[in-house]
Amino acid sequence: MTWLTWPVRVVAFLLWFTWLVARTNAVVLRDALTRGQDSTPGIARYDSRCRTDAEITLLSTCITLTPGTLTVGHHTPEKSDVAHTIYVHGMYSPDADHLRAELRDIEGRLLSAMRREGGPS
């Protein structure tokens, strides 16, 4: 990937994220309007691949904007080569590993869209 594909990656991420928000919003709405509870709430610790404060802020915002998830905390490392840690509350993931896999997908797509040279590394 090069900087020439950067605008296309940004548009692709925005379209994908809009679809993700619509899809998860339907899940939350269905759970709220039907009998019983389908949610399995839990909190996961996620070690991010984000390098800058802007990337970690945007990732946290995307997580919080996605219905059923909420960024509840963040730890900024003192050394720049250590990963940022995010604590995320999820409502519809069966376990913490599944939630971390979903977060990794969001982060990978976001970093691919944000970085001119391409995806996360």
PDB file of N, CA and C in Angstrom:
ATOM      1  N   MET A   1       0.835  -1.181   0.000  1.00  0.00           N
ATOM      2  CA  MET A   1       0.000   0.000   0.000  1.00  0.00           C
ATOM      3  C   MET A   1       0.874   1.237   0.000  1.00  0.00           C
ATOM      4  N   THR A   2       0.443   2.221  -0.702  1.00  0.00           N
ATOM      5  CA  THR A   2       1.188   3.468  -0.768  1.00  0.00           C
ATOM      6  C   THR A   2       0.278   4.620  -0.370  1.00  0.00           C
ATOM      7  N   TRP A   3       0.883   5.811  -0.351  1.00  0.00           N
ATOM      8  CA  TRP A   3       0.091   6.982   0.001  1.00  0.00           C
ATOM      9  C   TRP A   3      -0.933   7.285  -1.085  1.00  0.00           C
ATOM     10  N   LEU A   4      -0.749   6.725  -2.299  1.00  0.00           N
ATOM     11  CA  LEU A   4      -1.726   6.956  -3.366  1.00  0.00           C
ATOM     12  C   LEU A   4      -3.069   6.300  -3.066  1.00  0.00           C
ATOM     13  N   THR A   5      -3.059   5.212  -2.315  1.00  0.00           N
ATOM     14  CA  THR A   5      -4.302   4.523  -1.989  1.00  0.00           C
ATOM     15  C   THR A   5      -4.922   5.034  -0.690  1.00  0.00           C
ATOM     16  N   TRP A   6      -4.241   5.964  -0.027  1.00  0.00           N
ATOM     17  CA  TRP A   6      -4.710   6.454   1.270  1.00  0.00           C
ATOM     18  C   TRP A   6      -6.147   6.984   1.241  1.00  0.00           C
ATOM     19  N   PRO A   7      -6.522   7.876   0.293  1.00  0.00           N
ATOM     20  CA  PRO A   7      -7.920   8.359   0.294  1.00  0.00           C
ATOM     21  C   PRO A   7      -8.938   7.238   0.098  1.00  0.00           C
ATOM     22  N   VAL A   8      -8.598   6.268  -0.694  1.00  0.00           N
ATOM     23  CA  VAL A   8      -9.519   5.134  -0.914  1.00  0.00           C
ATOM     24  C   VAL A   8      -9.679   4.344   0.381  1.00  0.00           C
ATOM     25  N   ARG A   9      -8.559   4.146   1.119  1.00  0.00           N
ATOM     26  CA  ARG A   9      -8.633   3.408   2.379  1.00  0.00           C
ATOM     27  C   ARG A   9      -9.465   4.161   3.415  1.00  0.00           C
ATOM     28  N   VAL A  10      -9.370   5.495   3.428  1.00  0.00           N
ATOM     29  CA  VAL A  10     -10.163   6.292   4.371  1.00  0.00           C
ATOM     30  C   VAL A  10     -11.649   6.136   4.063  1.00  0.00           C
ATOM     31  N   VAL A  11     -12.013   6.247   2.807  1.00  0.00           N
ATOM     32  CA  VAL A  11     -13.423   6.109   2.417  1.00  0.00           C
ATOM     33  C   VAL A  11     -13.915   4.688   2.711  1.00  0.00           C
ATOM     34  N   ALA A  12     -13.090   3.688   2.417  1.00  0.00           N
ATOM     35  CA  ALA A  12     -13.480   2.300   2.688  1.00  0.00           C
ATOM     36  C   ALA A  12     -13.694   2.087   4.191  1.00  0.00           C
ATOM     37  N   PHE A  13     -12.833   2.666   5.012  1.00  0.00           N
ATOM     38  CA  PHE A  13     -13.018   2.521   6.461  1.00  0.00           C
ATOM     39  C   PHE A  13     -14.314   3.185   6.912  1.00  0.00           C
ATOM     40  N   LEU A  14     -14.583   4.387   6.411  1.00  0.00           N
ATOM     41  CA  LEU A  14     -15.803   5.092   6.818  1.00  0.00           C
ATOM     42  C   LEU A  14     -17.055   4.303   6.429  1.00  0.00           C
ATOM     43  N   LEU A  15     -17.048   3.726   5.240  1.00  0.00           N
ATOM     44  CA  LEU A  15     -18.196   2.911   4.818  1.00  0.00           C
ATOM     45  C   LEU A  15     -18.322   1.656   5.681  1.00  0.00           C
ATOM     46  N   TRP A  16     -17.196   0.988   5.948  1.00  0.00           N
ATOM     47  CA  TRP A  16     -17.220  -0.214   6.784  1.00  0.00           C
ATOM     48  C   TRP A  16     -17.671   0.126   8.204  1.00  0.00           C
ATOM     49  N   PHE A  17     -17.177   1.222   8.758  1.00  0.00           N
ATOM     50  CA  PHE A  17     -17.543   1.581  10.133  1.00  0.00           C
ATOM     51  C   PHE A  17     -19.022   1.957  10.229  1.00  0.00           C
ATOM     52  N   THR A  18     -19.536   2.633   9.217  1.00  0.00           N
ATOM     53  CA  THR A  18     -20.965   2.960   9.186  1.00  0.00           C
ATOM     54  C   THR A  18     -21.798   1.678   9.187  1.00  0.00           C
ATOM     55  N   TRP A  19     -21.385   0.703   8.402  1.00  0.00           N
ATOM     56  CA  TRP A  19     -22.070  -0.592   8.371  1.00  0.00           C
ATOM     57  C   TRP A  19     -21.971  -1.282   9.733  1.00  0.00           C
ATOM     58  N   LEU A  20     -20.808  -1.242  10.376  1.00  0.00           N
ATOM     59  CA  LEU A  20     -20.628  -1.857  11.690  1.00  0.00           C
ATOM     60  C   LEU A  20     -21.557  -1.229  12.723  1.00  0.00           C
ATOM     61  N   VAL A  21     -21.642   0.094  12.724  1.00  0.00           N
ATOM     62  CA  VAL A  21     -22.513   0.785  13.686  1.00  0.00           C
ATOM     63  C   VAL A  21     -23.976   0.422  13.432  1.00  0.00           C
ATOM     64  N   ALA A  22     -24.390   0.388  12.170  1.00  0.00           N
ATOM     65  CA  ALA A  22     -25.779   0.032  11.850  1.00  0.00           C
ATOM     66  C   ALA A  22     -26.090  -1.402  12.280  1.00  0.00           C
ATOM     67  N   ARG A  23     -25.157  -2.315  11.998  1.00  0.00           N
ATOM     68  CA  ARG A  23     -25.366  -3.740  12.323  1.00  0.00           C
ATOM     69  C   ARG A  23     -25.429  -3.952  13.842  1.00  0.00           C
ATOM     70  N   THR A  24     -24.495  -3.362  14.588  1.00  0.00           N
ATOM     71  CA  THR A  24     -24.494  -3.553  16.042  1.00  0.00           C
ATOM     72  C   THR A  24     -25.653  -2.806  16.697  1.00  0.00           C
ATOM     73  N   ASN A  25     -26.079  -1.709  16.081  1.00  0.00           N
ATOM     74  CA  ASN A  25     -27.240  -0.992  16.591  1.00  0.00           C
ATOM     75  C   ASN A  25     -28.491  -1.872  16.488  1.00  0.00           C
ATOM     76  N   ALA A  26     -28.606  -2.629  15.403  1.00  0.00           N
ATOM     77  CA  ALA A  26     -29.747  -3.538  15.247  1.00  0.00           C
ATOM     78  C   ALA A  26     -29.711  -4.635  16.317  1.00  0.00           C
ATOM     79  N   VAL A  27     -28.528  -5.124  16.658  1.00  0.00           N
ATOM     80  CA  VAL A  27     -28.410  -6.158  17.692  1.00  0.00           C
ATOM     81  C   VAL A  27     -28.870  -5.620  19.044  1.00  0.00           C
ATOM     82  N   VAL A  28     -28.427  -4.420  19.389  1.00  0.00           N
ATOM     83  CA  VAL A  28     -28.806  -3.814  20.668  1.00  0.00           C
ATOM     84  C   VAL A  28     -30.306  -3.520  20.690  1.00  0.00           C
ATOM     85  N   LEU A  29     -30.824  -3.005  19.589  1.00  0.00           N
ATOM     86  CA  LEU A  29     -32.254  -2.683  19.505  1.00  0.00           C
ATOM     87  C   LEU A  29     -33.108  -3.941  19.636  1.00  0.00           C
ATOM     88  N   ARG A  30     -32.714  -5.012  18.954  1.00  0.00           N
ATOM     89  CA  ARG A  30     -33.451  -6.269  19.057  1.00  0.00           C
ATOM     90  C   ARG A  30     -33.442  -6.796  20.488  1.00  0.00           C
ATOM     91  N   ASP A  31     -32.297  -6.698  21.150  1.00  0.00           N
ATOM     92  CA  ASP A  31     -32.198  -7.173  22.531  1.00  0.00           C
ATOM     93  C   ASP A  31     -33.059  -6.327  23.460  1.00  0.00           C
ATOM     94  N   ALA A  32     -33.146  -5.033  23.180  1.00  0.00           N
ATOM     95  CA  ALA A  32     -33.948  -4.154  24.044  1.00  0.00           C
ATOM     96  C   ALA A  32     -35.444  -4.340  23.835  1.00  0.00           C
ATOM     97  N   LEU A  33     -35.845  -4.703  22.632  1.00  0.00           N
ATOM     98  CA  LEU A  33     -37.272  -4.780  22.318  1.00  0.00           C
ATOM     99  C   LEU A  33     -37.858  -6.182  22.459  1.00  0.00           C
ATOM    100  N   THR A  34     -37.046  -7.179  22.667  1.00  0.00           N
ATOM    101  CA  THR A  34     -37.556  -8.543  22.824  1.00  0.00           C
ATOM    102  C   THR A  34     -37.411  -8.995  24.271  1.00  0.00           C
ATOM    103  N   ARG A  35     -38.101 -10.074  24.588  1.00  0.00           N
ATOM    104  CA  ARG A  35     -38.042 -10.613  25.946  1.00  0.00           C
ATOM    105  C   ARG A  35     -36.670 -11.227  26.208  1.00  0.00           C
ATOM    106  N   GLY A  36     -36.272 -11.170  27.466  1.00  0.00           N
ATOM    107  CA  GLY A  36     -35.010 -11.784  27.871  1.00  0.00           C
ATOM    108  C   GLY A  36     -33.807 -10.916  27.524  1.00  0.00           C
ATOM    109  N   GLN A  37     -32.660 -11.440  27.845  1.00  0.00           N
ATOM    110  CA  GLN A  37     -31.409 -10.736  27.594  1.00  0.00           C
ATOM    111  C   GLN A  37     -30.473 -11.637  26.801  1.00  0.00           C
ATOM    112  N   ASP A  38     -29.944 -11.139  25.714  1.00  0.00           N
ATOM    113  CA  ASP A  38     -28.948 -11.871  24.937  1.00  0.00           C
ATOM    114  C   ASP A  38     -27.534 -11.409  25.265  1.00  0.00           C
ATOM    115  N   SER A  39     -27.414 -10.399  26.083  1.00  0.00           N
ATOM    116  CA  SER A  39     -26.091  -9.825  26.339  1.00  0.00           C
ATOM    117  C   SER A  39     -25.275 -10.687  27.297  1.00  0.00           C
ATOM    118  N   THR A  40     -23.977 -10.638  27.101  1.00  0.00           N
ATOM    119  CA  THR A  40     -23.016 -11.290  27.998  1.00  0.00           C
ATOM    120  C   THR A  40     -21.938 -10.259  28.324  1.00  0.00           C
ATOM    121  N   PRO A  41     -22.246  -9.333  29.231  1.00  0.00           N
ATOM    122  CA  PRO A  41     -21.325  -8.223  29.481  1.00  0.00           C
ATOM    123  C   PRO A  41     -20.003  -8.677  30.095  1.00  0.00           C
ATOM    124  N   GLY A  42     -18.969  -7.939  29.745  1.00  0.00           N
ATOM    125  CA  GLY A  42     -17.649  -8.233  30.282  1.00  0.00           C
ATOM    126  C   GLY A  42     -16.670  -7.135  29.923  1.00  0.00           C
ATOM    127  N   ILE A  43     -15.527  -7.147  30.574  1.00  0.00           N
ATOM    128  CA  ILE A  43     -14.488  -6.159  30.323  1.00  0.00           C
ATOM    129  C   ILE A  43     -13.237  -6.885  29.855  1.00  0.00           C
ATOM    130  N   ALA A  44     -12.601  -6.325  28.812  1.00  0.00           N
ATOM    131  CA  ALA A  44     -11.369  -6.914  28.285  1.00  0.00           C
ATOM    132  C   ALA A  44     -10.261  -5.873  28.285  1.00  0.00           C
ATOM    133  N   ARG A  45      -9.053  -6.341  28.560  1.00  0.00           N
ATOM    134  CA  ARG A  45      -7.863  -5.499  28.447  1.00  0.00           C
ATOM    135  C   ARG A  45      -7.286  -5.735  27.064  1.00  0.00           C
ATOM    136  N   TYR A  46      -7.016  -4.645  26.342  1.00  0.00           N
ATOM    137  CA  TYR A  46      -6.526  -4.768  24.974  1.00  0.00           C
ATOM    138  C   TYR A  46      -5.235  -3.984  24.811  1.00  0.00           C
ATOM    139  N   ASP A  47      -4.169  -4.665  24.408  1.00  0.00           N
ATOM    140  CA  ASP A  47      -2.898  -3.998  24.119  1.00  0.00           C
ATOM    141  C   ASP A  47      -2.910  -3.558  22.665  1.00  0.00           C
ATOM    142  N   SER A  48      -2.933  -2.253  22.473  1.00  0.00           N
ATOM    143  CA  SER A  48      -3.121  -1.669  21.155  1.00  0.00           C
ATOM    144  C   SER A  48      -1.814  -1.603  20.360  1.00  0.00           C
ATOM    145  N   ARG A  49      -1.954  -1.527  19.037  1.00  0.00           N
ATOM    146  CA  ARG A  49      -0.814  -1.306  18.144  1.00  0.00           C
ATOM    147  C   ARG A  49      -0.686   0.157  17.756  1.00  0.00           C
ATOM    148  N   CYS A  50      -1.499   1.018  18.351  1.00  0.00           N
ATOM    149  CA  CYS A  50      -1.463   2.449  18.044  1.00  0.00           C
ATOM    150  C   CYS A  50      -0.133   3.043  18.520  1.00  0.00           C
ATOM    151  N   ARG A  51       0.389   3.980  17.726  1.00  0.00           N
ATOM    152  CA  ARG A  51       1.668   4.608  18.047  1.00  0.00           C
ATOM    153  C   ARG A  51       1.524   6.013  18.607  1.00  0.00           C
ATOM    154  N   THR A  52       0.467   6.714  18.232  1.00  0.00           N
ATOM    155  CA  THR A  52       0.331   8.121  18.618  1.00  0.00           C
ATOM    156  C   THR A  52      -0.925   8.332  19.461  1.00  0.00           C
ATOM    157  N   ASP A  53      -0.961   9.488  20.127  1.00  0.00           N
ATOM    158  CA  ASP A  53      -2.151   9.838  20.904  1.00  0.00           C
ATOM    159  C   ASP A  53      -3.373   9.989  19.999  1.00  0.00           C
ATOM    160  N   ALA A  54      -3.184  10.509  18.787  1.00  0.00           N
ATOM    161  CA  ALA A  54      -4.307  10.673  17.857  1.00  0.00           C
ATOM    162  C   ALA A  54      -4.894   9.314  17.479  1.00  0.00           C
ATOM    163  N   GLU A  55      -4.028   8.336  17.233  1.00  0.00           N
ATOM    164  CA  GLU A  55      -4.520   7.005  16.867  1.00  0.00           C
ATOM    165  C   GLU A  55      -5.269   6.360  18.028  1.00  0.00           C
ATOM    166  N   ILE A  56      -4.730   6.463  19.242  1.00  0.00           N
ATOM    167  CA  ILE A  56      -5.394   5.833  20.391  1.00  0.00           C
ATOM    168  C   ILE A  56      -6.714   6.543  20.710  1.00  0.00           C
ATOM    169  N   THR A  57      -6.741   7.858  20.521  1.00  0.00           N
ATOM    170  CA  THR A  57      -7.980   8.612  20.753  1.00  0.00           C
ATOM    171  C   THR A  57      -9.045   8.222  19.730  1.00  0.00           C
ATOM    172  N   LEU A  58      -8.651   8.115  18.475  1.00  0.00           N
ATOM    173  CA  LEU A  58      -9.623   7.745  17.438  1.00  0.00           C
ATOM    174  C   LEU A  58     -10.104   6.306  17.620  1.00  0.00           C
ATOM    175  N   LEU A  59      -9.206   5.407  17.996  1.00  0.00           N
ATOM    176  CA  LEU A  59      -9.630   4.022  18.260  1.00  0.00           C
ATOM    177  C   LEU A  59     -10.613   3.972  19.427  1.00  0.00           C
ATOM    178  N   SER A  60     -10.300   4.679  20.499  1.00  0.00           N
ATOM    179  CA  SER A  60     -11.207   4.703  21.657  1.00  0.00           C
ATOM    180  C   SER A  60     -12.561   5.288  21.278  1.00  0.00           C
ATOM    181  N   THR A  61     -12.553   6.303  20.441  1.00  0.00           N
ATOM    182  CA  THR A  61     -13.807   6.918  19.992  1.00  0.00           C
ATOM    183  C   THR A  61     -14.617   5.945  19.138  1.00  0.00           C
ATOM    184  N   CYS A  62     -13.954   5.253  18.233  1.00  0.00           N
ATOM    185  CA  CYS A  62     -14.663   4.281  17.388  1.00  0.00           C
ATOM    186  C   CYS A  62     -15.261   3.166  18.239  1.00  0.00           C
ATOM    187  N   ILE A  63     -14.527   2.717  19.244  1.00  0.00           N
ATOM    188  CA  ILE A  63     -15.046   1.665  20.138  1.00  0.00           C
ATOM    189  C   ILE A  63     -16.285   2.159  20.861  1.00  0.00           C
ATOM    190  N   THR A  64     -16.218   3.376  21.381  1.00  0.00           N
ATOM    191  CA  THR A  64     -17.346   3.915  22.140  1.00  0.00           C
ATOM    192  C   THR A  64     -18.542   4.218  21.237  1.00  0.00           C
ATOM    193  N   LEU A  65     -18.293   4.598  19.991  1.00  0.00           N
ATOM    194  CA  LEU A  65     -19.401   4.872  19.069  1.00  0.00           C
ATOM    195  C   LEU A  65     -20.102   3.604  18.600  1.00  0.00           C
ATOM    196  N   THR A  66     -19.446   2.470  18.730  1.00  0.00           N
ATOM    197  CA  THR A  66     -20.051   1.205  18.330  1.00  0.00           C
ATOM    198  C   THR A  66     -21.004   0.743  19.429  1.00  0.00           C
ATOM    199  N   PRO A  67     -22.299   0.602  19.119  1.00  0.00           N
ATOM    200  CA  PRO A  67     -23.254   0.186  20.148  1.00  0.00           C
ATOM    201  C   PRO A  67     -22.866  -1.151  20.786  1.00  0.00           C
ATOM    202  N   GLY A  68     -22.980  -1.203  22.105  1.00  0.00           N
ATOM    203  CA  GLY A  68     -22.644  -2.418  22.838  1.00  0.00           C
ATOM    204  C   GLY A  68     -21.218  -2.457  23.344  1.00  0.00           C
ATOM    205  N   THR A  69     -20.405  -1.457  23.017  1.00  0.00           N
ATOM    206  CA  THR A  69     -19.036  -1.394  23.530  1.00  0.00           C
ATOM    207  C   THR A  69     -18.761  -0.008  24.074  1.00  0.00           C
ATOM    208  N   LEU A  70     -17.838   0.040  25.033  1.00  0.00           N
ATOM    209  CA  LEU A  70     -17.495   1.309  25.657  1.00  0.00           C
ATOM    210  C   LEU A  70     -16.050   1.262  26.135  1.00  0.00           C
ATOM    211  N   THR A  71     -15.282   2.264  25.794  1.00  0.00           N
ATOM    212  CA  THR A  71     -13.926   2.368  26.319  1.00  0.00           C
ATOM    213  C   THR A  71     -14.019   2.926  27.730  1.00  0.00           C
ATOM    214  N   VAL A  72     -13.550   2.156  28.705  1.00  0.00           N
ATOM    215  CA  VAL A  72     -13.688   2.586  30.102  1.00  0.00           C
ATOM    216  C   VAL A  72     -12.369   3.071  30.694  1.00  0.00           C
ATOM    217  N   GLY A  73     -11.274   2.813  30.036  1.00  0.00           N
ATOM    218  CA  GLY A  73      -9.999   3.271  30.570  1.00  0.00           C
ATOM    219  C   GLY A  73      -8.886   3.126  29.570  1.00  0.00           C
ATOM    220  N   HIS A  74      -7.791   3.832  29.852  1.00  0.00           N
ATOM    221  CA  HIS A  74      -6.650   3.820  28.955  1.00  0.00           C
ATOM    222  C   HIS A  74      -5.395   4.013  29.779  1.00  0.00           C
ATOM    223  N   HIS A  75      -4.361   3.278  29.430  1.00  0.00           N
ATOM    224  CA  HIS A  75      -3.079   3.438  30.103  1.00  0.00           C
ATOM    225  C   HIS A  75      -2.033   3.826  29.067  1.00  0.00           C
ATOM    226  N   THR A  76      -1.424   4.984  29.258  1.00  0.00           N
ATOM    227  CA  THR A  76      -0.368   5.441  28.361  1.00  0.00           C
ATOM    228  C   THR A  76       0.972   5.021  28.954  1.00  0.00           C
ATOM    229  N   PRO A  77       1.770   4.281  28.196  1.00  0.00           N
ATOM    230  CA  PRO A  77       3.058   3.837  28.731  1.00  0.00           C
ATOM    231  C   PRO A  77       4.050   4.997  28.832  1.00  0.00           C
ATOM    232  N   GLU A  78       4.985   4.856  29.766  1.00  0.00           N
ATOM    233  CA  GLU A  78       6.025   5.881  29.906  1.00  0.00           C
ATOM    234  C   GLU A  78       7.032   5.784  28.769  1.00  0.00           C
ATOM    235  N   LYS A  79       7.297   4.567  28.295  1.00  0.00           N
ATOM    236  CA  LYS A  79       8.215   4.388  27.178  1.00  0.00           C
ATOM    237  C   LYS A  79       7.410   4.324  25.885  1.00  0.00           C
ATOM    238  N   SER A  80       7.950   4.900  24.825  1.00  0.00           N
ATOM    239  CA  SER A  80       7.210   4.965  23.566  1.00  0.00           C
ATOM    240  C   SER A  80       7.155   3.624  22.840  1.00  0.00           C
ATOM    241  N   ASP A  81       8.023   2.665  23.184  1.00  0.00           N
ATOM    242  CA  ASP A  81       8.019   1.391  22.472  1.00  0.00           C
ATOM    243  C   ASP A  81       7.100   0.350  23.114  1.00  0.00           C
ATOM    244  N   VAL A  82       6.402   0.729  24.182  1.00  0.00           N
ATOM    245  CA  VAL A  82       5.478  -0.171  24.864  1.00  0.00           C
ATOM    246  C   VAL A  82       4.060   0.141  24.395  1.00  0.00           C
ATOM    247  N   ALA A  83       3.230  -0.904  24.263  1.00  0.00           N
ATOM    248  CA  ALA A  83       1.880  -0.738  23.733  1.00  0.00           C
ATOM    249  C   ALA A  83       0.976   0.055  24.682  1.00  0.00           C
ATOM    250  N   HIS A  84       0.077   0.836  24.072  1.00  0.00           N
ATOM    251  CA  HIS A  84      -0.990   1.480  24.836  1.00  0.00           C
ATOM    252  C   HIS A  84      -1.984   0.395  25.231  1.00  0.00           C
ATOM    253  N   THR A  85      -2.545   0.525  26.419  1.00  0.00           N
ATOM    254  CA  THR A  85      -3.530  -0.445  26.887  1.00  0.00           C
ATOM    255  C   THR A  85      -4.885   0.232  27.023  1.00  0.00           C
ATOM    256  N   ILE A  86      -5.905  -0.418  26.471  1.00  0.00           N
ATOM    257  CA  ILE A  86      -7.276   0.090  26.552  1.00  0.00           C
ATOM    258  C   ILE A  86      -8.110  -0.950  27.296  1.00  0.00           C
ATOM    259  N   TYR A  87      -8.994  -0.477  28.158  1.00  0.00           N
ATOM    260  CA  TYR A  87      -9.946  -1.351  28.847  1.00  0.00           C
ATOM    261  C   TYR A  87     -11.313  -1.088  28.234  1.00  0.00           C
ATOM    262  N   VAL A  88     -11.937  -2.158  27.729  1.00  0.00           N
ATOM    263  CA  VAL A  88     -13.184  -2.023  26.971  1.00  0.00           C
ATOM    264  C   VAL A  88     -14.269  -2.889  27.599  1.00  0.00           C
ATOM    265  N   HIS A  89     -15.439  -2.284  27.770  1.00  0.00           N
ATOM    266  CA  HIS A  89     -16.624  -3.012  28.224  1.00  0.00           C
ATOM    267  C   HIS A  89     -17.435  -3.395  26.994  1.00  0.00           C
ATOM    268  N   GLY A  90     -17.703  -4.679  26.850  1.00  0.00           N
ATOM    269  CA  GLY A  90     -18.481  -5.169  25.720  1.00  0.00           C
ATOM    270  C   GLY A  90     -19.731  -5.880  26.211  1.00  0.00           C
ATOM    271  N   MET A  91     -20.808  -5.750  25.456  1.00  0.00           N
ATOM    272  CA  MET A  91     -22.092  -6.344  25.859  1.00  0.00           C
ATOM    273  C   MET A  91     -22.421  -7.636  25.125  1.00  0.00           C
ATOM    274  N   TYR A  92     -21.867  -7.857  23.936  1.00  0.00           N
ATOM    275  CA  TYR A  92     -22.331  -8.975  23.118  1.00  0.00           C
ATOM    276  C   TYR A  92     -21.201  -9.877  22.632  1.00  0.00           C
ATOM    277  N   SER A  93     -20.142  -9.967  23.376  1.00  0.00           N
ATOM    278  CA  SER A  93     -19.064 -10.895  23.048  1.00  0.00           C
ATOM    279  C   SER A  93     -19.102 -12.045  24.054  1.00  0.00           C
ATOM    280  N   PRO A  94     -18.969 -13.274  23.583  1.00  0.00           N
ATOM    281  CA  PRO A  94     -19.073 -14.414  24.504  1.00  0.00           C
ATOM    282  C   PRO A  94     -17.952 -14.462  25.546  1.00  0.00           C
ATOM    283  N   ASP A  95     -16.764 -13.949  25.200  1.00  0.00           N
ATOM    284  CA  ASP A  95     -15.663 -13.927  26.167  1.00  0.00           C
ATOM    285  C   ASP A  95     -14.678 -12.817  25.803  1.00  0.00           C
ATOM    286  N   ALA A  96     -13.675 -12.627  26.648  1.00  0.00           N
ATOM    287  CA  ALA A  96     -12.715 -11.531  26.450  1.00  0.00           C
ATOM    288  C   ALA A  96     -11.884 -11.719  25.186  1.00  0.00           C
ATOM    289  N   ASP A  97     -11.534 -12.956  24.856  1.00  0.00           N
ATOM    290  CA  ASP A  97     -10.736 -13.197  23.651  1.00  0.00           C
ATOM    291  C   ASP A  97     -11.512 -12.831  22.388  1.00  0.00           C
ATOM    292  N   HIS A  98     -12.804 -13.125  22.369  1.00  0.00           N
ATOM    293  CA  HIS A  98     -13.638 -12.761  21.219  1.00  0.00           C
ATOM    294  C   HIS A  98     -13.736 -11.234  21.097  1.00  0.00           C
ATOM    295  N   LEU A  99     -13.895 -10.555  22.229  1.00  0.00           N
ATOM    296  CA  LEU A  99     -13.950  -9.096  22.216  1.00  0.00           C
ATOM    297  C   LEU A  99     -12.619  -8.522  21.724  1.00  0.00           C
ATOM    298  N   ARG A 100     -11.496  -9.089  22.180  1.00  0.00           N
ATOM    299  CA  ARG A 100     -10.183  -8.613  21.720  1.00  0.00           C
ATOM    300  C   ARG A 100     -10.017  -8.833  20.214  1.00  0.00           C
ATOM    301  N   ALA A 101     -10.540  -9.927  19.682  1.00  0.00           N
ATOM    302  CA  ALA A 101     -10.464 -10.177  18.235  1.00  0.00           C
ATOM    303  C   ALA A 101     -11.263  -9.121  17.470  1.00  0.00           C
ATOM    304  N   GLU A 102     -12.431  -8.752  17.999  1.00  0.00           N
ATOM    305  CA  GLU A 102     -13.232  -7.702  17.355  1.00  0.00           C
ATOM    306  C   GLU A 102     -12.508  -6.361  17.417  1.00  0.00           C
ATOM    307  N   LEU A 103     -11.873  -6.074  18.550  1.00  0.00           N
ATOM    308  CA  LEU A 103     -11.130  -4.816  18.689  1.00  0.00           C
ATOM    309  C   LEU A 103      -9.935  -4.786  17.739  1.00  0.00           C
ATOM    310  N   ARG A 104      -9.281  -5.922  17.575  1.00  0.00           N
ATOM    311  CA  ARG A 104      -8.133  -5.997  16.665  1.00  0.00           C
ATOM    312  C   ARG A 104      -8.582  -5.721  15.227  1.00  0.00           C
ATOM    313  N   ASP A 105      -9.768  -6.201  14.858  1.00  0.00           N
ATOM    314  CA  ASP A 105     -10.298  -5.950  13.512  1.00  0.00           C
ATOM    315  C   ASP A 105     -10.559  -4.456  13.315  1.00  0.00           C
ATOM    316  N   ILE A 106     -11.226  -3.832  14.282  1.00  0.00           N
ATOM    317  CA  ILE A 106     -11.490  -2.390  14.185  1.00  0.00           C
ATOM    318  C   ILE A 106     -10.169  -1.628  14.099  1.00  0.00           C
ATOM    319  N   GLU A 107      -9.226  -1.979  14.972  1.00  0.00           N
ATOM    320  CA  GLU A 107      -7.950  -1.273  14.999  1.00  0.00           C
ATOM    321  C   GLU A 107      -7.180  -1.439  13.689  1.00  0.00           C
ATOM    322  N   GLY A 108      -7.154  -2.656  13.152  1.00  0.00           N
ATOM    323  CA  GLY A 108      -6.440  -2.896  11.905  1.00  0.00           C
ATOM    324  C   GLY A 108      -6.990  -2.062  10.755  1.00  0.00           C
ATOM    325  N   ARG A 109      -8.300  -2.026  10.655  1.00  0.00           N
ATOM    326  CA  ARG A 109      -8.924  -1.230   9.586  1.00  0.00           C
ATOM    327  C   ARG A 109      -8.697   0.265   9.803  1.00  0.00           C
ATOM    328  N   LEU A 110      -8.779   0.696  11.061  1.00  0.00           N
ATOM    329  CA  LEU A 110      -8.574   2.110  11.376  1.00  0.00           C
ATOM    330  C   LEU A 110      -7.141   2.528  11.068  1.00  0.00           C
ATOM    331  N   LEU A 111      -6.169   1.748  11.507  1.00  0.00           N
ATOM    332  CA  LEU A 111      -4.776   2.114  11.281  1.00  0.00           C
ATOM    333  C   LEU A 111      -4.421   2.058   9.799  1.00  0.00           C
ATOM    334  N   SER A 112      -5.020   1.129   9.085  1.00  0.00           N
ATOM    335  CA  SER A 112      -4.796   1.081   7.641  1.00  0.00           C
ATOM    336  C   SER A 112      -5.324   2.344   6.964  1.00  0.00           C
ATOM    337  N   ALA A 113      -6.425   2.874   7.488  1.00  0.00           N
ATOM    338  CA  ALA A 113      -6.995   4.096   6.919  1.00  0.00           C
ATOM    339  C   ALA A 113      -6.229   5.341   7.358  1.00  0.00           C
ATOM    340  N   MET A 114      -5.728   5.341   8.588  1.00  0.00           N
ATOM    341  CA  MET A 114      -5.072   6.547   9.116  1.00  0.00           C
ATOM    342  C   MET A 114      -3.637   6.719   8.621  1.00  0.00           C
ATOM    343  N   ARG A 115      -2.919   5.630   8.493  1.00  0.00           N
ATOM    344  CA  ARG A 115      -1.502   5.730   8.149  1.00  0.00           C
ATOM    345  C   ARG A 115      -1.324   5.764   6.636  1.00  0.00           C
ATOM    346  N   ARG A 116      -0.593   6.739   6.193  1.00  0.00           N
ATOM    347  CA  ARG A 116      -0.401   6.881   4.753  1.00  0.00           C
ATOM    348  C   ARG A 116       0.376   5.717   4.155  1.00  0.00           C
ATOM    349  N   GLU A 117       1.255   5.103   4.958  1.00  0.00           N
ATOM    350  CA  GLU A 117       2.046   3.997   4.420  1.00  0.00           C
ATOM    351  C   GLU A 117       1.303   2.673   4.477  1.00  0.00           C
ATOM    352  N   GLY A 118       0.140   2.638   5.135  1.00  0.00           N
ATOM    353  CA  GLY A 118      -0.632   1.411   5.164  1.00  0.00           C
ATOM    354  C   GLY A 118      -0.974   0.952   6.556  1.00  0.00           C
ATOM    355  N   GLY A 119      -1.192  -0.330   6.679  1.00  0.00           N
ATOM    356  CA  GLY A 119      -1.734  -0.925   7.884  1.00  0.00           C
ATOM    357  C   GLY A 119      -0.823  -0.946   9.080  1.00  0.00           C
ATOM    358  N   PRO A 120      -1.320  -1.551  10.154  1.00  0.00           N
ATOM    359  CA  PRO A 120      -0.567  -1.613  11.397  1.00  0.00           C
ATOM    360  C   PRO A 120       0.669  -2.489  11.261  1.00  0.00           C
ATOM    361  N   SER A 121       1.673  -2.166  12.015  1.00  0.00           N
ATOM    362  CA  SER A 121       2.887  -2.993  12.033  1.00  0.00           C
ATOM    363  C   SER A 121       3.465  -3.000  13.414  1.00  0.00           C
TER     364      SER A 121
END
